[in-house]
Amino acid sequence: TLLSAVAALCGCRTEHPSRWTAVGYALLASLLQAITAPFVVGWVWSIMWGIAFVNVALNKDHQEVMHM
């Protein structure tokens, strides 16, 4: 997204009437992406840990049943 702001600044054709409007929107979008990226990574990380804990619990329960 940041690269698209540079491309718009260098003269790439955009759908906006002003080049600076396109650059502003692209910079805003890239800033928002940078801010929200840690939340998405944390969300995915917590899902992976949840799946791992469920798998460990299921395997432990299965092993206890097999030893009886």
PDB file of N, CA and C in Angstrom:
ATOM      1  N   THR A   1       0.829  -1.184   0.000  1.00  0.00           N
ATOM      2  CA  THR A   1       0.000   0.000   0.000  1.00  0.00           C
ATOM      3  C   THR A   1       0.873   1.248   0.000  1.00  0.00           C
ATOM      4  N   LEU A   2       1.939   1.191   0.756  1.00  0.00           N
ATOM      5  CA  LEU A   2       2.865   2.322   0.765  1.00  0.00           C
ATOM      6  C   LEU A   2       3.511   2.495  -0.604  1.00  0.00           C
ATOM      7  N   LEU A   3       3.766   1.395  -1.274  1.00  0.00           N
ATOM      8  CA  LEU A   3       4.345   1.458  -2.610  1.00  0.00           C
ATOM      9  C   LEU A   3       3.372   2.091  -3.603  1.00  0.00           C
ATOM     10  N   SER A   4       2.081   1.874  -3.419  1.00  0.00           N
ATOM     11  CA  SER A   4       1.105   2.507  -4.304  1.00  0.00           C
ATOM     12  C   SER A   4       1.066   4.016  -4.086  1.00  0.00           C
ATOM     13  N   ALA A   5       1.338   4.463  -2.865  1.00  0.00           N
ATOM     14  CA  ALA A   5       1.421   5.905  -2.617  1.00  0.00           C
ATOM     15  C   ALA A   5       2.605   6.506  -3.360  1.00  0.00           C
ATOM     16  N   VAL A   6       3.716   5.801  -3.357  1.00  0.00           N
ATOM     17  CA  VAL A   6       4.897   6.276  -4.089  1.00  0.00           C
ATOM     18  C   VAL A   6       4.622   6.273  -5.589  1.00  0.00           C
ATOM     19  N   ALA A   7       3.939   5.243  -6.073  1.00  0.00           N
ATOM     20  CA  ALA A   7       3.610   5.173  -7.495  1.00  0.00           C
ATOM     21  C   ALA A   7       2.681   6.313  -7.891  1.00  0.00           C
ATOM     22  N   ALA A   8       1.712   6.626  -7.045  1.00  0.00           N
ATOM     23  CA  ALA A   8       0.811   7.742  -7.338  1.00  0.00           C
ATOM     24  C   ALA A   8       1.562   9.065  -7.306  1.00  0.00           C
ATOM     25  N   LEU A   9       2.513   9.162  -6.433  1.00  0.00           N
ATOM     26  CA  LEU A   9       3.316  10.378  -6.332  1.00  0.00           C
ATOM     27  C   LEU A   9       4.208  10.559  -7.559  1.00  0.00           C
ATOM     28  N   CYS A  10       4.646   9.463  -8.131  1.00  0.00           N
ATOM     29  CA  CYS A  10       5.538   9.526  -9.296  1.00  0.00           C
ATOM     30  C   CYS A  10       4.791   9.710 -10.612  1.00  0.00           C
ATOM     31  N   GLY A  11       3.478   9.801 -10.569  1.00  0.00           N
ATOM     32  CA  GLY A  11       2.732  10.101 -11.784  1.00  0.00           C
ATOM     33  C   GLY A  11       1.868   8.982 -12.311  1.00  0.00           C
ATOM     34  N   CYS A  12       1.716   7.924 -11.575  1.00  0.00           N
ATOM     35  CA  CYS A  12       0.843   6.830 -11.990  1.00  0.00           C
ATOM     36  C   CYS A  12      -0.595   7.342 -12.082  1.00  0.00           C
ATOM     37  N   ARG A  13      -1.350   6.836 -13.040  1.00  0.00           N
ATOM     38  CA  ARG A  13      -2.727   7.270 -13.208  1.00  0.00           C
ATOM     39  C   ARG A  13      -3.606   6.722 -12.087  1.00  0.00           C
ATOM     40  N   THR A  14      -4.475   7.550 -11.523  1.00  0.00           N
ATOM     41  CA  THR A  14      -5.384   7.131 -10.451  1.00  0.00           C
ATOM     42  C   THR A  14      -6.806   7.521 -10.809  1.00  0.00           C
ATOM     43  N   GLU A  15      -7.753   7.042 -10.034  1.00  0.00           N
ATOM     44  CA  GLU A  15      -9.155   7.396 -10.268  1.00  0.00           C
ATOM     45  C   GLU A  15      -9.548   8.690  -9.563  1.00  0.00           C
ATOM     46  N   HIS A  16      -8.654   9.241  -8.769  1.00  0.00           N
ATOM     47  CA  HIS A  16      -8.928  10.483  -8.050  1.00  0.00           C
ATOM     48  C   HIS A  16      -8.546  11.679  -8.916  1.00  0.00           C
ATOM     49  N   PRO A  17      -9.257  12.794  -8.753  1.00  0.00           N
ATOM     50  CA  PRO A  17      -8.951  13.966  -9.580  1.00  0.00           C
ATOM     51  C   PRO A  17      -7.576  14.569  -9.280  1.00  0.00           C
ATOM     52  N   SER A  18      -7.138  14.460  -8.041  1.00  0.00           N
ATOM     53  CA  SER A  18      -5.852  15.018  -7.655  1.00  0.00           C
ATOM     54  C   SER A  18      -4.888  13.893  -7.286  1.00  0.00           C
ATOM     55  N   ARG A  19      -3.652  14.051  -7.693  1.00  0.00           N
ATOM     56  CA  ARG A  19      -2.629  13.066  -7.344  1.00  0.00           C
ATOM     57  C   ARG A  19      -2.433  13.031  -5.841  1.00  0.00           C
ATOM     58  N   TRP A  20      -2.527  14.182  -5.192  1.00  0.00           N
ATOM     59  CA  TRP A  20      -2.293  14.266  -3.748  1.00  0.00           C
ATOM     60  C   TRP A  20      -3.401  13.586  -2.953  1.00  0.00           C
ATOM     61  N   THR A  21      -4.603  13.569  -3.497  1.00  0.00           N
ATOM     62  CA  THR A  21      -5.697  12.845  -2.837  1.00  0.00           C
ATOM     63  C   THR A  21      -5.405  11.342  -2.828  1.00  0.00           C
ATOM     64  N   ALA A  22      -4.945  10.834  -3.957  1.00  0.00           N
ATOM     65  CA  ALA A  22      -4.607   9.409  -4.046  1.00  0.00           C
ATOM     66  C   ALA A  22      -3.454   9.067  -3.112  1.00  0.00           C
ATOM     67  N   VAL A  23      -2.449   9.938  -3.055  1.00  0.00           N
ATOM     68  CA  VAL A  23      -1.312   9.708  -2.160  1.00  0.00           C
ATOM     69  C   VAL A  23      -1.775   9.727  -0.710  1.00  0.00           C
ATOM     70  N   GLY A  24      -2.647  10.673  -0.364  1.00  0.00           N
ATOM     71  CA  GLY A  24      -3.154  10.769   1.007  1.00  0.00           C
ATOM     72  C   GLY A  24      -3.930   9.537   1.425  1.00  0.00           C
ATOM     73  N   TYR A  25      -4.810   9.067   0.537  1.00  0.00           N
ATOM     74  CA  TYR A  25      -5.575   7.860   0.856  1.00  0.00           C
ATOM     75  C   TYR A  25      -4.662   6.636   0.993  1.00  0.00           C
ATOM     76  N   ALA A  26      -3.682   6.518   0.127  1.00  0.00           N
ATOM     77  CA  ALA A  26      -2.770   5.375   0.193  1.00  0.00           C
ATOM     78  C   ALA A  26      -1.916   5.430   1.458  1.00  0.00           C
ATOM     79  N   LEU A  27      -1.459   6.618   1.827  1.00  0.00           N
ATOM     80  CA  LEU A  27      -0.679   6.747   3.062  1.00  0.00           C
ATOM     81  C   LEU A  27      -1.529   6.439   4.291  1.00  0.00           C
ATOM     82  N   LEU A  28      -2.780   6.900   4.288  1.00  0.00           N
ATOM     83  CA  LEU A  28      -3.685   6.609   5.401  1.00  0.00           C
ATOM     84  C   LEU A  28      -3.945   5.106   5.507  1.00  0.00           C
ATOM     85  N   ALA A  29      -4.176   4.467   4.371  1.00  0.00           N
ATOM     86  CA  ALA A  29      -4.419   3.022   4.380  1.00  0.00           C
ATOM     87  C   ALA A  29      -3.195   2.257   4.868  1.00  0.00           C
ATOM     88  N   SER A  30      -2.009   2.677   4.444  1.00  0.00           N
ATOM     89  CA  SER A  30      -0.802   1.971   4.890  1.00  0.00           C
ATOM     90  C   SER A  30      -0.549   2.192   6.373  1.00  0.00           C
ATOM     91  N   LEU A  31      -0.862   3.372   6.880  1.00  0.00           N
ATOM     92  CA  LEU A  31      -0.723   3.634   8.313  1.00  0.00           C
ATOM     93  C   LEU A  31      -1.691   2.769   9.116  1.00  0.00           C
ATOM     94  N   LEU A  32      -2.931   2.687   8.669  1.00  0.00           N
ATOM     95  CA  LEU A  32      -3.921   1.858   9.370  1.00  0.00           C
ATOM     96  C   LEU A  32      -3.548   0.376   9.313  1.00  0.00           C
ATOM     97  N   GLN A  33      -2.984  -0.063   8.197  1.00  0.00           N
ATOM     98  CA  GLN A  33      -2.534  -1.455   8.107  1.00  0.00           C
ATOM     99  C   GLN A  33      -1.404  -1.727   9.089  1.00  0.00           C
ATOM    100  N   ALA A  34      -0.485  -0.782   9.214  1.00  0.00           N
ATOM    101  CA  ALA A  34       0.636  -0.958  10.143  1.00  0.00           C
ATOM    102  C   ALA A  34       0.159  -0.980  11.591  1.00  0.00           C
ATOM    103  N   ILE A  35      -0.868  -0.192  11.898  1.00  0.00           N
ATOM    104  CA  ILE A  35      -1.391  -0.150  13.268  1.00  0.00           C
ATOM    105  C   ILE A  35      -2.154  -1.428  13.611  1.00  0.00           C
ATOM    106  N   THR A  36      -2.944  -1.938  12.675  1.00  0.00           N
ATOM    107  CA  THR A  36      -3.793  -3.097  12.975  1.00  0.00           C
ATOM    108  C   THR A  36      -3.096  -4.443  12.772  1.00  0.00           C
ATOM    109  N   ALA A  37      -1.941  -4.471  12.145  1.00  0.00           N
ATOM    110  CA  ALA A  37      -1.243  -5.745  11.905  1.00  0.00           C
ATOM    111  C   ALA A  37      -0.943  -6.511  13.190  1.00  0.00           C
ATOM    112  N   PRO A  38      -0.477  -5.872  14.276  1.00  0.00           N
ATOM    113  CA  PRO A  38      -0.226  -6.647  15.506  1.00  0.00           C
ATOM    114  C   PRO A  38      -1.480  -7.309  16.068  1.00  0.00           C
ATOM    115  N   PHE A  39      -2.646  -6.672  15.912  1.00  0.00           N
ATOM    116  CA  PHE A  39      -3.883  -7.274  16.408  1.00  0.00           C
ATOM    117  C   PHE A  39      -4.230  -8.532  15.624  1.00  0.00           C
ATOM    118  N   VAL A  40      -4.045  -8.489  14.316  1.00  0.00           N
ATOM    119  CA  VAL A  40      -4.337  -9.653  13.483  1.00  0.00           C
ATOM    120  C   VAL A  40      -3.364 -10.783  13.804  1.00  0.00           C
ATOM    121  N   VAL A  41      -2.093 -10.455  13.964  1.00  0.00           N
ATOM    122  CA  VAL A  41      -1.095 -11.469  14.303  1.00  0.00           C
ATOM    123  C   VAL A  41      -1.420 -12.087  15.662  1.00  0.00           C
ATOM    124  N   GLY A  42      -1.802 -11.270  16.632  1.00  0.00           N
ATOM    125  CA  GLY A  42      -2.168 -11.781  17.953  1.00  0.00           C
ATOM    126  C   GLY A  42      -3.398 -12.664  17.909  1.00  0.00           C
ATOM    127  N   TRP A  43      -4.358 -12.295  17.086  1.00  0.00           N
ATOM    128  CA  TRP A  43      -5.582 -13.076  16.950  1.00  0.00           C
ATOM    129  C   TRP A  43      -5.264 -14.449  16.360  1.00  0.00           C
ATOM    130  N   VAL A  44      -4.463 -14.478  15.300  1.00  0.00           N
ATOM    131  CA  VAL A  44      -4.081 -15.747  14.679  1.00  0.00           C
ATOM    132  C   VAL A  44      -3.255 -16.581  15.654  1.00  0.00           C
ATOM    133  N   TRP A  45      -2.357 -15.925  16.392  1.00  0.00           N
ATOM    134  CA  TRP A  45      -1.514 -16.629  17.367  1.00  0.00           C
ATOM    135  C   TRP A  45      -2.382 -17.298  18.435  1.00  0.00           C
ATOM    136  N   SER A  46      -3.393 -16.593  18.928  1.00  0.00           N
ATOM    137  CA  SER A  46      -4.244 -17.169  19.972  1.00  0.00           C
ATOM    138  C   SER A  46      -5.069 -18.335  19.440  1.00  0.00           C
ATOM    139  N   ILE A  47      -5.497 -18.268  18.203  1.00  0.00           N
ATOM    140  CA  ILE A  47      -6.229 -19.393  17.613  1.00  0.00           C
ATOM    141  C   ILE A  47      -5.321 -20.613  17.506  1.00  0.00           C
ATOM    142  N   MET A  48      -4.081 -20.398  17.072  1.00  0.00           N
ATOM    143  CA  MET A  48      -3.139 -21.518  16.955  1.00  0.00           C
ATOM    144  C   MET A  48      -2.865 -22.153  18.313  1.00  0.00           C
ATOM    145  N   TRP A  49      -2.695 -21.338  19.357  1.00  0.00           N
ATOM    146  CA  TRP A  49      -2.466 -21.882  20.698  1.00  0.00           C
ATOM    147  C   TRP A  49      -3.696 -22.632  21.200  1.00  0.00           C
ATOM    148  N   GLY A  50      -4.874 -22.119  20.914  1.00  0.00           N
ATOM    149  CA  GLY A  50      -6.096 -22.808  21.318  1.00  0.00           C
ATOM    150  C   GLY A  50      -6.215 -24.177  20.675  1.00  0.00           C
ATOM    151  N   ILE A  51      -5.904 -24.257  19.397  1.00  0.00           N
ATOM    152  CA  ILE A  51      -5.938 -25.542  18.693  1.00  0.00           C
ATOM    153  C   ILE A  51      -4.900 -26.494  19.276  1.00  0.00           C
ATOM    154  N   ALA A  52      -3.718 -25.970  19.587  1.00  0.00           N
ATOM    155  CA  ALA A  52      -2.663 -26.810  20.170  1.00  0.00           C
ATOM    156  C   ALA A  52      -3.092 -27.361  21.527  1.00  0.00           C
ATOM    157  N   PHE A  53      -3.696 -26.532  22.373  1.00  0.00           N
ATOM    158  CA  PHE A  53      -4.141 -26.994  23.689  1.00  0.00           C
ATOM    159  C   PHE A  53      -5.231 -28.050  23.573  1.00  0.00           C
ATOM    160  N   VAL A  54      -6.156 -27.878  22.654  1.00  0.00           N
ATOM    161  CA  VAL A  54      -7.205 -28.878  22.461  1.00  0.00           C
ATOM    162  C   VAL A  54      -6.593 -30.193  21.989  1.00  0.00           C
ATOM    163  N   ASN A  55      -5.633 -30.128  21.068  1.00  0.00           N
ATOM    164  CA  ASN A  55      -4.974 -31.354  20.595  1.00  0.00           C
ATOM    165  C   ASN A  55      -4.216 -32.057  21.707  1.00  0.00           C
ATOM    166  N   VAL A  56      -3.527 -31.307  22.553  1.00  0.00           N
ATOM    167  CA  VAL A  56      -2.806 -31.910  23.682  1.00  0.00           C
ATOM    168  C   VAL A  56      -3.793 -32.580  24.631  1.00  0.00           C
ATOM    169  N   ALA A  57      -4.899 -31.911  24.917  1.00  0.00           N
ATOM    170  CA  ALA A  57      -5.898 -32.484  25.825  1.00  0.00           C
ATOM    171  C   ALA A  57      -6.517 -33.746  25.235  1.00  0.00           C
ATOM    172  N   LEU A  58      -6.817 -33.735  23.953  1.00  0.00           N
ATOM    173  CA  LEU A  58      -7.396 -34.921  23.322  1.00  0.00           C
ATOM    174  C   LEU A  58      -6.408 -36.077  23.299  1.00  0.00           C
ATOM    175  N   ASN A  59      -5.152 -35.786  23.011  1.00  0.00           N
ATOM    176  CA  ASN A  59      -4.137 -36.849  22.993  1.00  0.00           C
ATOM    177  C   ASN A  59      -3.902 -37.418  24.382  1.00  0.00           C
ATOM    178  N   LYS A  60      -3.899 -36.570  25.402  1.00  0.00           N
ATOM    179  CA  LYS A  60      -3.700 -37.053  26.769  1.00  0.00           C
ATOM    180  C   LYS A  60      -4.874 -37.934  27.193  1.00  0.00           C
ATOM    181  N   ASP A  61      -6.087 -37.517  26.870  1.00  0.00           N
ATOM    182  CA  ASP A  61      -7.270 -38.309  27.200  1.00  0.00           C
ATOM    183  C   ASP A  61      -7.218 -39.651  26.472  1.00  0.00           C
ATOM    184  N   HIS A  62      -6.796 -39.643  25.227  1.00  0.00           N
ATOM    185  CA  HIS A  62      -6.696 -40.876  24.443  1.00  0.00           C
ATOM    186  C   HIS A  62      -5.637 -41.811  25.033  1.00  0.00           C
ATOM    187  N   GLN A  63      -4.517 -41.266  25.496  1.00  0.00           N
ATOM    188  CA  GLN A  63      -3.461 -42.085  26.094  1.00  0.00           C
ATOM    189  C   GLN A  63      -3.919 -42.693  27.415  1.00  0.00           C
ATOM    190  N   GLU A  64      -4.683 -41.951  28.215  1.00  0.00           N
ATOM    191  CA  GLU A  64      -5.177 -42.481  29.486  1.00  0.00           C
ATOM    192  C   GLU A  64      -6.150 -43.621  29.256  1.00  0.00           C
ATOM    193  N   VAL A  65      -6.968 -43.534  28.236  1.00  0.00           N
ATOM    194  CA  VAL A  65      -7.918 -44.596  27.923  1.00  0.00           C
ATOM    195  C   VAL A  65      -7.169 -45.842  27.449  1.00  0.00           C
ATOM    196  N   MET A  66      -6.104 -45.658  26.683  1.00  0.00           N
ATOM    197  CA  MET A  66      -5.338 -46.791  26.163  1.00  0.00           C
ATOM    198  C   MET A  66      -4.590 -47.529  27.268  1.00  0.00           C
ATOM    199  N   HIS A  67      -4.193 -46.850  28.360  1.00  0.00           N
ATOM    200  CA  HIS A  67      -3.432 -47.482  29.442  1.00  0.00           C
ATOM    201  C   HIS A  67      -4.334 -48.184  30.452  1.00  0.00           C
ATOM    202  N   MET A  68      -5.608 -48.072  30.352  1.00  0.00           N
ATOM    203  CA  MET A  68      -6.511 -48.705  31.317  1.00  0.00           C
ATOM    204  C   MET A  68      -6.731 -50.144  30.988  1.00  0.00           C
TER     205      MET A  68
END
